[in-house]
Amino acid sequence: MNWLSDLVRASTNDIGDAFTSTPHRQQITQLQTAYRQALDDIRGDASLSELGKQQLIARAWTNTRAELSRLQQLDFDTQVARYNTLERTVFGTAASSTGADAVSFRDAVDRAAKLENAESAMRLLGTSELSGDTVLARAVLMRAWEAGWNDVVESYACNHATVSDKLAELVALRQSLDGRASKLGGAMAASLTRPTELQNLSLTEISDYAQAEPSLSTSYVLNNRFTSGITPQQEKDARAQAAAEARTRAQRGE
């Protein structure tokens, strides 16, 4: 679909920008930025033990993944709704017609449905355009669109400037939706790469870590035991965790 594809890519056309700057896409971008900043903050937090950092990173990854899934699904649903609206506008439907108009539309659709190839569709489109049968012309357009007869679609678009932009947007939307159709709902968020701290953990372990109270570092506990309300249990836990982390490092030869 060269002519329409060129229109989609044209610098004077804002279709591509509109796709990348939807409210949900903007929220996704902001969320990803906030997530990266959160990871940096956690990794640099001296009050946390190594386990505590893992726990907070697990929480950040889990929560961000869930929110990305929600936003991506909303964005997908918005694109589908826009696609359906454009289809009704460009092709016309029986739902938008009443009485004789509805009968005429159904007859035109039935006639167009019998077209078996692009050549016959092009001939019928030309005949309907010459006779001023706009209903039949749109029915042929719809048949060509569904069948992927791009030359027929482009021929119609060239003669109907008022729908060319809408057709270009439909092309872009179809490409976008086709590329995402296999990524159902929350599965899209699986693309959020696991931080290195979580690489060796199962999803169950990550979930447990995300819900746990973050473990504090021994140095933080000792430095704040008299000023920040550190409890004896927190001090005991910090010492035990420090010993466990030391054993782990020794086993790794670090």
Protein backbone atom coordinates (compact mmCIF):
# COMPACT_ATOMS: atom_id res chain seq x y z
CA MET A 1 0.00 0.00 0.00
CA ASN A 2 2.60 2.49 -1.19
CA TRP A 3 0.56 5.67 -1.47
CA LEU A 4 -1.12 5.27 1.91
CA SER A 5 2.08 4.06 3.54
CA ASP A 6 3.85 7.18 2.29
CA LEU A 7 1.05 9.26 3.74
CA VAL A 8 1.42 7.54 7.09
CA ARG A 9 5.16 8.25 7.12
CA ALA A 10 4.95 11.78 5.71
CA SER A 11 6.56 14.47 7.84
CA THR A 12 3.49 16.64 7.38
CA ASN A 13 1.28 13.94 8.88
CA ASP A 14 0.95 13.68 12.66
CA ILE A 15 -0.41 10.13 12.78
CA GLY A 16 2.82 8.60 14.07
CA ASP A 17 3.20 11.29 16.71
CA ALA A 18 -0.38 10.76 17.81
CA PHE A 19 0.31 7.06 18.42
CA THR A 20 3.39 7.69 20.53
CA SER A 21 1.97 10.57 22.53
CA THR A 22 -1.38 9.18 23.66
CA PRO A 23 -2.16 9.82 27.35
CA HIS A 24 -1.55 6.18 28.21
CA ARG A 25 1.75 6.07 26.28
CA GLN A 26 2.86 9.21 28.12
CA GLN A 27 1.97 7.60 31.45
CA ILE A 28 3.91 4.49 30.46
CA THR A 29 6.98 6.58 29.64
CA GLN A 30 6.70 8.47 32.94
CA LEU A 31 6.27 5.20 34.84
CA GLN A 32 9.35 3.67 33.24
CA THR A 33 11.39 6.76 34.13
CA ALA A 34 10.16 6.68 37.74
CA TYR A 35 10.93 2.96 37.94
CA ARG A 36 14.53 3.41 36.78
CA GLN A 37 14.98 6.22 39.31
CA ALA A 38 13.53 4.05 42.07
CA LEU A 39 16.02 1.27 41.29
CA ASP A 40 18.90 3.76 41.50
CA ASP A 41 17.62 5.11 44.82
CA ILE A 42 17.22 1.63 46.32
CA ARG A 43 20.66 0.49 45.19
CA GLY A 44 22.21 3.56 46.76
CA ASP A 45 20.31 3.34 50.05
CA ALA A 46 22.83 2.57 52.78
CA SER A 47 20.09 1.89 55.32
CA LEU A 48 19.19 -1.35 53.55
CA SER A 49 20.96 -4.70 53.69
CA GLU A 50 21.54 -6.56 50.45
CA LEU A 51 18.40 -8.57 51.20
CA GLY A 52 16.51 -5.35 51.94
CA LYS A 53 17.54 -3.94 48.57
CA GLN A 54 16.36 -7.13 46.87
CA GLN A 55 13.04 -6.89 48.69
CA LEU A 56 12.38 -3.29 47.68
CA ILE A 57 13.56 -3.92 44.13
CA ALA A 58 11.16 -6.87 43.98
CA ARG A 59 8.37 -4.60 45.16
CA ALA A 60 9.23 -1.92 42.59
CA TRP A 61 9.45 -4.45 39.75
CA THR A 62 6.21 -6.21 40.70
CA ASN A 63 4.20 -3.01 41.12
CA THR A 64 5.60 -1.42 37.96
CA ARG A 65 4.91 -4.57 35.95
CA ALA A 66 1.29 -4.63 37.10
CA GLU A 67 0.76 -0.95 36.33
CA LEU A 68 2.39 -1.29 32.91
CA SER A 69 0.02 -4.15 32.15
CA ARG A 70 -2.96 -1.99 33.09
CA LEU A 71 -1.82 1.01 31.05
CA GLN A 72 -0.89 -1.09 28.02
CA GLN A 73 -4.29 -2.78 28.05
CA LEU A 74 -6.03 0.61 28.27
CA ASP A 75 -3.93 1.89 25.37
CA PHE A 76 -4.74 -1.21 23.32
CA ASP A 77 -8.46 -0.88 24.04
CA THR A 78 -8.38 2.81 23.07
CA GLN A 79 -6.75 1.97 19.74
CA VAL A 80 -9.35 -0.74 19.05
CA ALA A 81 -12.18 1.70 19.80
CA ARG A 82 -10.62 4.32 17.51
CA TYR A 83 -10.17 1.72 14.76
CA ASN A 84 -13.82 0.69 14.98
CA THR A 85 -14.95 4.32 14.86
CA LEU A 86 -12.83 5.01 11.78
CA GLU A 87 -14.13 1.89 10.05
CA ARG A 88 -17.70 3.05 10.53
CA THR A 89 -16.80 6.52 9.29
CA VAL A 90 -14.85 5.42 6.21
CA PHE A 91 -16.84 2.42 5.07
CA GLY A 92 -20.29 3.19 6.42
CA THR A 93 -22.38 0.48 8.08
CA ALA A 94 -25.95 -0.65 8.14
CA ALA A 95 -26.06 0.55 11.73
CA SER A 96 -25.68 4.12 10.51
CA SER A 97 -28.46 3.76 7.94
CA THR A 98 -32.21 3.32 8.22
CA GLY A 99 -35.03 2.30 5.90
CA ALA A 100 -34.21 2.27 2.20
CA ASP A 101 -30.65 3.37 2.88
CA ALA A 102 -30.05 0.32 5.05
CA VAL A 103 -31.46 -1.99 2.38
CA SER A 104 -29.30 -0.30 -0.25
CA PHE A 105 -26.22 -0.73 1.92
CA ARG A 106 -26.88 -4.40 2.56
CA ASP A 107 -27.46 -5.03 -1.14
CA ALA A 108 -24.21 -3.24 -1.98
CA VAL A 109 -22.30 -5.26 0.63
CA ASP A 110 -23.76 -8.51 -0.71
CA ARG A 111 -22.72 -7.55 -4.23
CA ALA A 112 -19.22 -6.55 -3.16
CA ALA A 113 -18.82 -9.76 -1.15
CA LYS A 114 -19.08 -11.76 -4.38
CA LEU A 115 -15.96 -10.09 -5.80
CA GLU A 116 -13.21 -12.65 -6.12
CA ASN A 117 -10.17 -10.58 -7.02
CA ALA A 118 -8.76 -7.08 -7.14
CA GLU A 119 -9.34 -6.72 -10.88
CA SER A 120 -13.09 -7.26 -10.61
CA ALA A 121 -13.20 -4.97 -7.58
CA MET A 122 -11.39 -2.23 -9.50
CA ARG A 123 -13.87 -2.51 -12.36
CA LEU A 124 -16.88 -2.34 -10.06
CA LEU A 125 -15.38 0.57 -8.18
CA GLY A 126 -14.93 2.46 -11.44
CA THR A 127 -18.49 1.73 -12.51
CA SER A 128 -19.95 2.81 -9.19
CA GLU A 129 -17.88 6.00 -9.15
CA LEU A 130 -18.97 6.93 -12.69
CA SER A 131 -22.63 6.32 -11.86
CA GLY A 132 -22.41 8.23 -8.59
CA ASP A 133 -23.32 5.17 -6.52
CA THR A 134 -21.46 6.16 -3.37
CA VAL A 135 -22.97 3.32 -1.32
CA LEU A 136 -21.68 0.66 -3.70
CA ALA A 137 -18.30 2.38 -3.98
CA ARG A 138 -17.89 2.23 -0.20
CA ALA A 139 -18.99 -1.39 -0.15
CA VAL A 140 -16.30 -2.21 -2.72
CA LEU A 141 -13.79 -0.24 -0.67
CA MET A 142 -14.69 -2.25 2.42
CA ARG A 143 -14.34 -5.54 0.51
CA ALA A 144 -10.96 -4.45 -0.86
CA TRP A 145 -9.80 -3.38 2.60
CA GLU A 146 -10.73 -6.72 4.13
CA ALA A 147 -9.16 -8.67 1.25
CA GLY A 148 -5.95 -6.64 1.21
CA TRP A 149 -6.46 -5.38 -2.34
CA ASN A 150 -4.31 -2.34 -1.80
CA ASP A 151 -4.51 -0.91 -5.32
CA VAL A 152 -8.29 -0.71 -5.04
CA VAL A 153 -8.09 1.02 -1.67
CA GLU A 154 -5.56 3.50 -2.99
CA SER A 155 -7.67 4.19 -6.07
CA TYR A 156 -10.61 5.10 -3.88
CA ALA A 157 -8.45 7.21 -1.56
CA CYS A 158 -6.98 9.19 -4.45
CA ASN A 159 -10.48 10.19 -5.56
CA HIS A 160 -11.79 10.98 -2.08
CA ALA A 161 -9.50 13.41 -0.30
CA THR A 162 -11.89 13.69 2.65
CA VAL A 163 -11.22 10.08 3.66
CA SER A 164 -7.55 9.75 2.69
CA ASP A 165 -6.30 10.85 6.12
CA LYS A 166 -8.75 8.51 7.84
CA LEU A 167 -7.60 5.65 5.64
CA ALA A 168 -3.99 6.47 6.45
CA GLU A 169 -4.82 6.37 10.14
CA LEU A 170 -6.59 3.06 9.65
CA VAL A 171 -3.48 1.65 7.97
CA ALA A 172 -1.30 2.78 10.85
CA LEU A 173 -3.75 1.49 13.45
CA ARG A 174 -4.05 -1.89 11.75
CA GLN A 175 -0.26 -2.24 11.64
CA SER A 176 -0.04 -1.29 15.30
CA LEU A 177 -2.86 -3.58 16.42
CA ASP A 178 -1.64 -6.53 14.32
CA GLY A 179 1.76 -6.19 15.94
CA ARG A 180 0.27 -6.33 19.41
CA ALA A 181 -2.58 -8.80 18.90
CA SER A 182 -0.54 -11.75 20.14
CA LYS A 183 0.47 -9.89 23.28
CA LEU A 184 -2.74 -10.31 25.22
CA GLY A 185 -3.39 -7.93 28.07
CA GLY A 186 -0.92 -8.19 30.90
CA ALA A 187 1.47 -10.35 28.90
CA MET A 188 2.74 -7.12 27.37
CA ALA A 189 4.27 -6.14 30.70
CA ALA A 190 6.42 -9.26 30.68
CA SER A 191 8.82 -7.21 28.57
CA LEU A 192 9.86 -5.32 31.72
CA THR A 193 13.33 -6.78 32.17
CA ARG A 194 14.10 -8.25 35.55
CA PRO A 195 16.77 -6.35 37.49
CA THR A 196 19.98 -8.29 38.03
CA GLU A 197 19.13 -8.64 41.73
CA LEU A 198 16.09 -10.78 40.83
CA GLN A 199 17.53 -12.91 38.06
CA ASN A 200 17.98 -16.03 40.20
CA LEU A 201 14.62 -15.80 41.99
CA SER A 202 11.40 -17.53 41.03
CA LEU A 203 8.22 -15.50 40.57
CA THR A 204 6.96 -16.91 43.88
CA GLU A 205 10.12 -15.77 45.67
CA ILE A 206 9.88 -12.35 44.06
CA SER A 207 6.27 -12.06 45.23
CA ASP A 208 7.29 -13.00 48.78
CA TYR A 209 10.14 -10.51 48.74
CA ALA A 210 7.86 -7.76 47.45
CA GLN A 211 5.50 -8.22 50.39
CA ALA A 212 8.19 -8.47 53.08
CA GLU A 213 9.33 -5.68 55.37
CA PRO A 214 12.69 -4.54 53.95
CA SER A 215 15.72 -5.77 55.89
CA LEU A 216 17.91 -3.01 57.36
CA SER A 217 21.70 -2.97 57.22
CA THR A 218 23.67 -3.60 60.42
CA SER A 219 25.53 -0.30 60.13
CA TYR A 220 22.29 1.64 59.83
CA VAL A 221 20.78 -0.14 62.83
CA LEU A 222 23.84 0.39 65.04
CA ASN A 223 24.18 4.05 64.04
CA ASN A 224 20.53 4.75 64.76
CA ARG A 225 19.71 2.40 67.63
CA PHE A 226 19.35 5.27 70.11
CA THR A 227 17.95 7.97 67.85
CA SER A 228 15.58 6.44 65.35
CA GLY A 229 13.47 4.02 67.35
CA ILE A 230 15.40 0.88 66.37
CA THR A 231 13.93 -2.03 68.28
CA PRO A 232 15.92 -4.92 69.81
CA GLN A 233 14.28 -7.27 67.31
CA GLN A 234 15.39 -5.11 64.40
CA GLU A 235 18.94 -5.13 65.76
CA LYS A 236 18.82 -8.92 66.14
CA ASP A 237 17.45 -9.36 62.62
CA ALA A 238 20.08 -7.03 61.15
CA ARG A 239 22.92 -8.95 62.79
CA ALA A 240 21.49 -12.29 61.64
CA GLN A 241 21.07 -11.00 58.10
CA ALA A 242 24.61 -9.61 58.04
CA ALA A 243 25.94 -13.02 59.10
CA ALA A 244 23.87 -14.76 56.42
CA GLU A 245 25.11 -12.40 53.72
CA ALA A 246 28.71 -12.91 54.86
CA ARG A 247 28.30 -16.70 54.58
CA THR A 248 26.82 -16.32 51.11
CA ARG A 249 29.75 -14.17 49.98
CA ALA A 250 32.20 -16.66 51.38
CA GLN A 251 30.51 -19.51 49.54
CA ARG A 252 30.80 -17.52 46.33
CA GLY A 253 34.46 -16.84 47.00
CA GLU A 254 33.93 -13.08 47.12
